[in-house]
Protein backbone atom coordinates (compact mmCIF):
# COMPACT_ATOMS: atom_id res chain seq x y z
CA MET A 1 3.39 8.05 94.63
CA THR A 2 3.57 9.99 91.37
CA PHE A 3 2.91 6.77 89.44
CA VAL A 4 -0.08 5.90 91.66
CA ARG A 5 -1.62 9.36 91.23
CA SER A 6 -1.12 9.23 87.47
CA PHE A 7 -2.61 5.75 87.22
CA THR A 8 -5.62 6.87 89.30
CA VAL A 9 -6.20 9.83 87.01
CA LEU A 10 -6.05 7.55 83.97
CA LEU A 11 -8.61 5.20 85.53
CA ILE A 12 -10.97 8.08 86.27
CA LEU A 13 -10.58 9.38 82.71
CA ALA A 14 -11.21 5.93 81.25
CA PHE A 15 -14.33 5.48 83.34
CA THR A 16 -15.65 8.89 82.29
CA VAL A 17 -15.11 8.14 78.60
CA SER A 18 -16.73 4.70 78.97
CA ALA A 19 -19.75 6.22 80.66
CA CYS A 20 -20.15 8.65 77.78
CA GLY A 21 -20.26 5.71 75.40
CA GLY A 22 -17.19 6.23 73.22
CA ALA A 23 -13.60 7.21 72.77
CA VAL A 24 -12.24 10.69 73.37
CA LYS A 25 -12.84 12.96 70.35
CA PRO A 26 -11.29 16.40 70.86
CA ALA A 27 -13.50 18.03 68.20
CA ALA A 28 -16.74 16.72 69.71
CA SER A 29 -17.05 19.60 72.18
CA ALA A 30 -16.57 22.29 69.50
CA PRO A 31 -20.25 22.75 68.55
CA ALA A 32 -21.30 23.07 72.18
CA ALA A 33 -18.52 25.55 72.83
CA ALA A 34 -19.46 27.53 69.76
CA SER A 35 -23.11 27.65 70.76
CA ALA A 36 -22.35 28.59 74.36
CA ALA A 37 -19.73 31.27 73.88
CA VAL A 38 -20.12 34.86 72.79
CA THR A 39 -18.35 35.36 69.46
CA SER A 40 -15.42 37.72 69.16
CA SER A 41 -17.61 40.26 67.37
CA GLY A 42 -20.05 40.38 70.28
CA ILE A 43 -22.89 38.72 68.37
CA GLY A 44 -23.86 36.51 71.29
CA PRO A 45 -24.25 32.75 71.68
CA LEU A 46 -24.74 31.02 68.35
CA GLU A 47 -27.77 28.76 68.27
CA LYS A 48 -27.05 25.10 67.58
CA ILE A 49 -27.88 24.33 63.97
CA PRO A 50 -27.26 20.88 62.46
CA GLN A 51 -27.09 22.07 58.85
CA LEU A 52 -26.67 25.52 57.31
CA ARG A 53 -27.75 25.88 53.67
CA LEU A 54 -26.57 28.83 51.63
CA ASP A 55 -26.90 29.57 47.96
CA TYR A 56 -24.10 30.86 45.78
CA ALA A 57 -24.54 32.72 42.53
CA TYR A 58 -22.34 33.96 39.72
CA TYR A 59 -24.02 37.37 40.10
CA SER A 60 -22.93 37.48 43.77
CA PRO A 61 -19.12 37.40 43.98
CA PRO A 62 -19.15 37.62 47.80
CA SER A 63 -21.00 34.30 47.89
CA LEU A 64 -18.34 32.73 45.63
CA VAL A 65 -15.57 34.02 47.90
CA LEU A 66 -17.30 32.60 50.98
CA LYS A 67 -17.66 29.23 49.30
CA LYS A 68 -14.05 29.22 48.10
CA MET A 69 -12.46 30.32 51.37
CA GLY A 70 -14.32 27.97 53.70
CA TRP A 71 -15.01 30.74 56.20
CA VAL A 72 -18.57 29.56 56.87
CA GLU A 73 -17.40 26.04 57.62
CA ARG A 74 -14.80 27.32 60.08
CA ALA A 75 -17.26 29.68 61.75
CA PHE A 76 -19.74 26.85 62.40
CA PRO A 77 -17.75 23.84 63.62
CA GLY A 78 -19.92 20.79 64.00
CA THR A 79 -22.48 22.14 61.52
CA SER A 80 -22.88 20.65 58.07
CA VAL A 81 -22.66 23.46 55.48
CA LYS A 82 -24.45 22.92 52.18
CA TRP A 83 -23.95 25.16 49.12
CA VAL A 84 -26.67 25.36 46.45
CA LEU A 85 -26.21 27.10 43.08
CA SER A 86 -28.81 29.72 42.20
CA ALA A 87 -28.94 30.42 38.46
CA GLY A 88 -31.02 33.55 39.02
CA SER A 89 -33.41 35.23 41.45
CA ALA A 90 -36.32 32.98 40.50
CA PRO A 91 -34.54 29.73 41.43
CA ALA A 92 -33.20 31.31 44.64
CA LEU A 93 -36.68 32.39 45.67
CA ASN A 94 -38.10 28.98 44.84
CA TYR A 95 -35.43 27.39 47.05
CA LEU A 96 -36.35 29.72 49.91
CA GLN A 97 -40.07 29.06 49.56
CA ALA A 98 -39.48 25.30 49.43
CA ASN A 99 -37.20 25.46 52.50
CA ALA A 100 -34.31 24.13 50.42
CA VAL A 101 -31.91 26.93 51.45
CA ASP A 102 -31.68 29.17 54.49
CA PHE A 103 -30.15 32.16 52.68
CA GLY A 104 -30.90 33.09 49.07
CA SER A 105 -29.33 35.75 46.82
CA THR A 106 -31.73 37.75 44.66
CA ALA A 107 -32.44 41.11 43.13
CA GLY A 108 -34.61 43.44 45.18
CA SER A 109 -37.48 43.61 42.70
CA ALA A 110 -37.71 39.83 42.53
CA ALA A 111 -37.75 39.57 46.32
CA LEU A 112 -40.53 42.16 46.49
CA LEU A 113 -42.73 40.34 44.00
CA SER A 114 -42.11 37.00 45.69
CA ARG A 115 -42.99 38.42 49.11
CA ALA A 116 -46.13 40.03 47.65
CA ASN A 117 -47.19 36.63 46.36
CA GLY A 118 -46.79 34.84 49.67
CA ASN A 119 -43.11 33.93 50.12
CA PRO A 120 -42.40 34.80 53.81
CA ILE A 121 -38.89 36.20 53.34
CA LYS A 122 -36.97 39.18 54.64
CA CYS A 123 -33.94 40.95 53.22
CA VAL A 124 -31.25 41.06 55.90
CA TYR A 125 -28.19 42.26 53.94
CA ILE A 126 -27.24 44.08 50.72
CA TYR A 127 -24.31 42.39 48.99
CA GLU A 128 -23.85 44.77 46.01
CA ARG A 129 -25.27 47.47 43.81
CA PRO A 130 -25.18 45.91 40.35
CA GLU A 131 -25.72 46.77 36.75
CA TRP A 132 -26.18 43.11 35.92
CA THR A 133 -28.74 43.46 33.13
CA ALA A 134 -29.38 45.42 29.94
CA LEU A 135 -31.29 45.18 26.67
CA VAL A 136 -29.15 43.10 24.31
CA VAL A 137 -29.40 42.41 20.58
CA ALA A 138 -27.30 40.25 18.29
CA LYS A 139 -24.26 41.56 16.43
CA SER A 140 -26.16 41.76 13.13
CA SER A 141 -29.25 43.47 14.54
CA THR A 142 -30.23 46.94 13.35
CA ALA A 143 -32.39 47.67 16.41
CA LYS A 144 -31.28 50.77 18.29
CA SER A 145 -33.93 51.01 21.00
CA ILE A 146 -36.87 49.21 22.57
CA THR A 147 -39.26 50.89 20.12
CA ASP A 148 -37.54 49.07 17.27
CA LEU A 149 -38.56 45.81 18.92
CA ARG A 150 -42.32 46.32 18.83
CA GLY A 151 -43.92 43.00 17.88
CA LYS A 152 -40.57 41.22 18.19
CA LYS A 153 -39.45 38.36 20.42
CA ILE A 154 -37.68 39.42 23.62
CA SER A 155 -36.34 36.77 25.99
CA THR A 156 -35.78 36.95 29.73
CA LEU A 157 -36.80 35.12 32.91
CA LYS A 158 -40.10 36.20 34.44
CA GLY A 159 -40.14 37.56 37.98
CA THR A 160 -36.48 38.61 38.00
CA ASP A 161 -34.61 41.91 37.83
CA PRO A 162 -34.02 41.56 34.05
CA TYR A 163 -37.76 40.99 33.65
CA PHE A 164 -38.52 44.19 35.57
CA PHE A 165 -35.81 45.97 33.57
CA MET A 166 -37.64 44.95 30.39
CA LEU A 167 -41.01 46.11 31.72
CA ARG A 168 -39.65 49.45 32.95
CA THR A 169 -37.91 50.03 29.63
CA LEU A 170 -41.14 49.29 27.79
CA HIS A 171 -43.20 51.56 30.05
CA GLN A 172 -40.67 54.37 29.70
CA ALA A 173 -41.23 54.21 25.93
CA GLY A 174 -45.02 54.19 26.31
CA MET A 175 -45.23 50.44 25.64
CA SER A 176 -46.18 47.36 27.66
CA GLN A 177 -45.49 43.64 27.56
CA SER A 178 -48.42 43.22 25.17
CA ASP A 179 -46.49 45.23 22.55
CA ILE A 180 -43.80 42.55 22.25
CA ARG A 181 -43.66 38.78 22.00
CA PHE A 182 -42.31 37.85 25.42
CA VAL A 183 -40.29 34.63 25.66
CA ASP A 184 -39.94 33.38 29.24
CA GLN A 185 -36.79 31.29 29.53
CA PRO A 186 -33.67 30.88 31.70
CA TYR A 187 -30.79 33.22 30.91
CA ALA A 188 -28.51 30.58 29.44
CA GLU A 189 -31.24 29.54 27.02
CA GLY A 190 -31.92 33.18 26.19
CA GLN A 191 -28.27 33.77 25.35
CA ILE A 192 -28.24 30.80 22.99
CA ALA A 193 -31.53 31.89 21.42
CA LEU A 194 -30.19 35.39 20.80
CA GLU A 195 -26.94 34.22 19.26
CA ARG A 196 -28.78 31.71 17.04
CA GLY A 197 -31.30 34.28 15.85
CA GLN A 198 -34.26 32.57 17.54
CA VAL A 199 -35.21 35.76 19.43
CA ASP A 200 -34.77 39.40 18.46
CA ALA A 201 -33.52 40.64 21.82
CA TRP A 202 -32.54 39.36 25.22
CA VAL A 203 -32.55 41.02 28.61
CA GLY A 204 -29.61 39.10 29.98
CA LEU A 205 -27.73 38.57 33.19
CA ASP A 206 -24.00 38.67 33.88
CA PRO A 207 -21.70 36.86 33.43
CA MET A 208 -23.61 35.42 30.46
CA MET A 209 -24.37 38.90 29.16
CA ALA A 210 -20.71 39.90 29.33
CA ALA A 211 -19.73 36.66 27.58
CA SER A 212 -22.16 37.29 24.74
CA GLU A 213 -20.96 40.87 24.43
CA LEU A 214 -17.25 40.04 24.39
CA HIS A 215 -17.24 36.76 22.47
CA ALA A 216 -20.32 36.87 20.21
CA GLY A 217 -20.36 40.58 19.45
CA SER A 218 -23.78 41.11 21.01
CA LYS A 219 -24.71 44.74 21.58
CA LEU A 220 -26.12 46.37 24.72
CA ILE A 221 -28.49 48.87 23.13
CA TYR A 222 -30.03 50.14 26.36
CA ARG A 223 -28.43 50.38 29.78
CA ASN A 224 -29.86 52.01 32.89
CA LYS A 225 -28.24 51.35 36.23
CA ASP A 226 -31.23 52.80 38.06
CA PHE A 227 -33.43 50.07 36.56
CA ASN A 228 -31.24 47.46 38.29
CA THR A 229 -32.29 46.86 41.90
CA TYR A 230 -29.84 45.96 44.63
CA GLY A 231 -28.49 42.53 45.52
CA PHE A 232 -30.63 41.22 48.42
CA LEU A 233 -29.60 38.43 50.78
CA ASN A 234 -32.87 36.94 52.01
CA ALA A 235 -33.95 34.45 54.65
CA ARG A 236 -37.29 33.00 55.72
CA GLU A 237 -39.04 34.52 58.71
CA ASP A 238 -39.18 31.22 60.60
CA PHE A 239 -35.42 30.75 60.20
CA LEU A 240 -34.72 34.29 61.43
CA ALA A 241 -36.90 33.77 64.50
CA LYS A 242 -35.15 30.52 65.38
CA TYR A 243 -31.57 31.48 64.50
CA PRO A 244 -31.06 35.24 65.01
CA ASN A 245 -27.40 34.99 66.02
CA VAL A 246 -26.59 32.50 63.27
CA THR A 247 -28.06 35.05 60.87
CA LYS A 248 -25.86 37.81 62.27
CA LYS A 249 -22.80 35.58 61.96
CA VAL A 250 -23.60 34.81 58.31
CA ILE A 251 -23.97 38.55 57.63
CA GLU A 252 -20.64 39.18 59.35
CA LEU A 253 -19.03 36.62 57.04
CA TYR A 254 -20.66 38.19 53.99
CA GLU A 255 -19.27 41.54 55.07
CA ARG A 256 -15.81 40.01 55.36
CA ALA A 257 -16.18 38.55 51.86
CA ARG A 258 -17.38 41.86 50.39
CA LYS A 259 -14.35 43.67 51.79
CA TRP A 260 -12.09 40.92 50.45
CA VAL A 261 -13.62 41.37 46.99
CA ILE A 262 -12.82 45.09 47.11
CA ALA A 263 -9.24 44.44 48.24
CA HIS A 264 -8.57 41.56 45.81
CA PRO A 265 -10.26 42.30 42.46
CA ASP A 266 -7.94 40.12 40.38
CA GLU A 267 -8.25 37.12 42.67
CA THR A 268 -12.03 37.60 42.78
CA ALA A 269 -12.19 37.67 38.99
CA GLN A 270 -10.30 34.39 38.86
CA ILE A 271 -12.66 32.81 41.40
CA LEU A 272 -15.64 33.96 39.33
CA ALA A 273 -14.07 32.71 36.09
CA ASP A 274 -13.30 29.32 37.59
CA ASP A 275 -16.70 28.86 39.23
CA ALA A 276 -18.80 30.12 36.33
CA GLN A 277 -16.49 28.51 33.77
CA VAL A 278 -16.17 31.74 31.78
CA PRO A 279 -13.04 33.39 30.33
CA LEU A 280 -11.19 35.74 32.66
CA ASP A 281 -11.98 38.79 30.53
CA VAL A 282 -15.69 38.07 30.97
CA ALA A 283 -15.31 37.85 34.75
CA LYS A 284 -13.37 41.11 34.82
CA ARG A 285 -15.99 42.87 32.69
CA GLU A 286 -18.70 41.83 35.14
CA LEU A 287 -16.72 42.84 38.21
CA THR A 288 -15.16 46.10 37.05
CA ASP A 289 -17.88 47.50 34.79
CA ARG A 290 -21.10 46.26 36.30
CA MET A 291 -20.76 45.84 40.06
CA ASP A 292 -20.31 48.26 42.97
CA PHE A 293 -19.38 46.77 46.33
CA GLN A 294 -18.52 50.03 48.10
CA ILE A 295 -22.02 50.62 49.40
CA SER A 296 -23.97 50.62 52.64
CA THR A 297 -24.85 46.98 53.22
CA VAL A 298 -27.54 47.58 55.82
CA PRO A 299 -30.89 47.39 54.02
CA GLY A 300 -32.98 50.51 54.46
CA GLU A 301 -34.56 53.53 52.81
CA THR A 302 -32.23 53.53 49.79
CA GLU A 303 -33.42 50.09 48.76
CA ALA A 304 -37.02 50.83 49.74
CA ALA A 305 -37.05 53.86 47.43
CA VAL A 306 -35.77 51.73 44.54
CA LEU A 307 -38.52 49.18 45.16
CA ARG A 308 -41.24 51.82 45.36
CA ALA A 309 -40.41 52.72 41.76
CA VAL A 310 -41.32 49.15 40.77
CA ILE A 311 -44.81 49.27 42.33
CA PRO A 312 -46.56 50.84 39.29
CA ILE A 313 -45.09 48.14 37.03
CA ILE A 314 -46.35 45.35 39.29
CA GLN A 315 -49.78 46.94 39.40
CA ASP A 316 -50.06 47.75 35.68
CA GLU A 317 -48.96 44.26 34.64
CA HIS A 318 -51.12 42.57 37.36
CA LEU A 319 -48.16 40.59 38.70
CA ALA A 320 -49.11 40.48 42.40
CA LYS A 321 -52.09 39.01 44.16
CA GLN A 322 -55.13 41.26 44.03
CA GLY A 323 -55.45 43.56 47.02
CA VAL A 324 -51.84 43.25 48.21
CA ASP A 325 -50.52 46.43 49.83
CA LEU A 326 -47.16 46.72 48.09
CA GLN A 327 -45.87 49.54 50.29
CA LYS A 328 -46.50 47.39 53.37
CA THR A 329 -44.84 44.49 51.55
CA ILE A 330 -41.70 46.60 51.13
CA ASP A 331 -41.77 47.52 54.81
CA ASP A 332 -42.16 43.87 55.78
CA LEU A 333 -39.45 42.72 53.37
CA ILE A 334 -36.63 45.02 54.45
CA ASP A 335 -35.24 44.21 57.91
CA PRO A 336 -32.08 46.14 58.85
CA GLU A 337 -31.75 44.96 62.44
CA TYR A 338 -29.54 41.91 61.85
CA ALA A 339 -27.03 43.80 59.72
CA LYS A 340 -27.01 46.78 62.08
CA ALA A 341 -25.71 44.49 64.81
CA VAL A 342 -22.55 43.50 62.93
CA VAL A 343 -21.84 45.93 60.07
CA LYS A 344 -19.42 48.60 61.22
């Protein structure tokens, strides 16, 4: 009788599998289970998403940790996870606008300008408070301040935090972009141009800036942490509307990575060095001297106040579309609700 019952069960199982059109695959039910169940953090059912596309950036160590550890892949079984390198805020924002990534890492000022010019993004998480840019001159330069660079070539990438750093530094000295010879080029090209004497100054970005400082003798002649805006994790409005719980889960993972960075500075430095292919001392300089991860990661008034300081620069340099209400743009850009749900 035991044999008959067992054989009957096997027949029923075989028939069920045949009717489903294939062999038994234990992992096949994972995506459905993941989308149907409430997560352990109480986020709620995760929406089914066939592919999740995230950027990673050398100026965002939490993104490098997430990529290295595979936590996103494990949190979304059955979903294809794609990582895209962002070499700066401008590429990240272009990826978002072109629907090439779902989450993009940028500086706050760059996100504001992009939103003002029609990119329908929102900031849902703050991954760091950086000092990732400064005014840099070559080892042999005699320039001591921005005023010494009047009429000279200054390189940086337009529309990014270093670009706004340059403009704010100029305005602080009673100058404008018209008082210098602006060279718009990617950071890596700017570093090479500075070290070869092709430009007189460079407003760089770490880790390239730290590498030039430590290994080429380049000098940071003006630093101002308050001219650096926060690290914004952004997503498109249509993605947020369709995948609110996926968004919360990604933020939860970012928060886990940020805390890991704080607890494991040496390991994080090694991950950064390996990924960016820079010496370990460069990675440590970026992490220990230029980045603060012990911050409130829910976007809000702190970040809004920093962005309001950028409004006069955008207006004076005519960077945004005519008639855009930049205060409303800030309000529309910063969305704390997703992070509030998971950041404790």
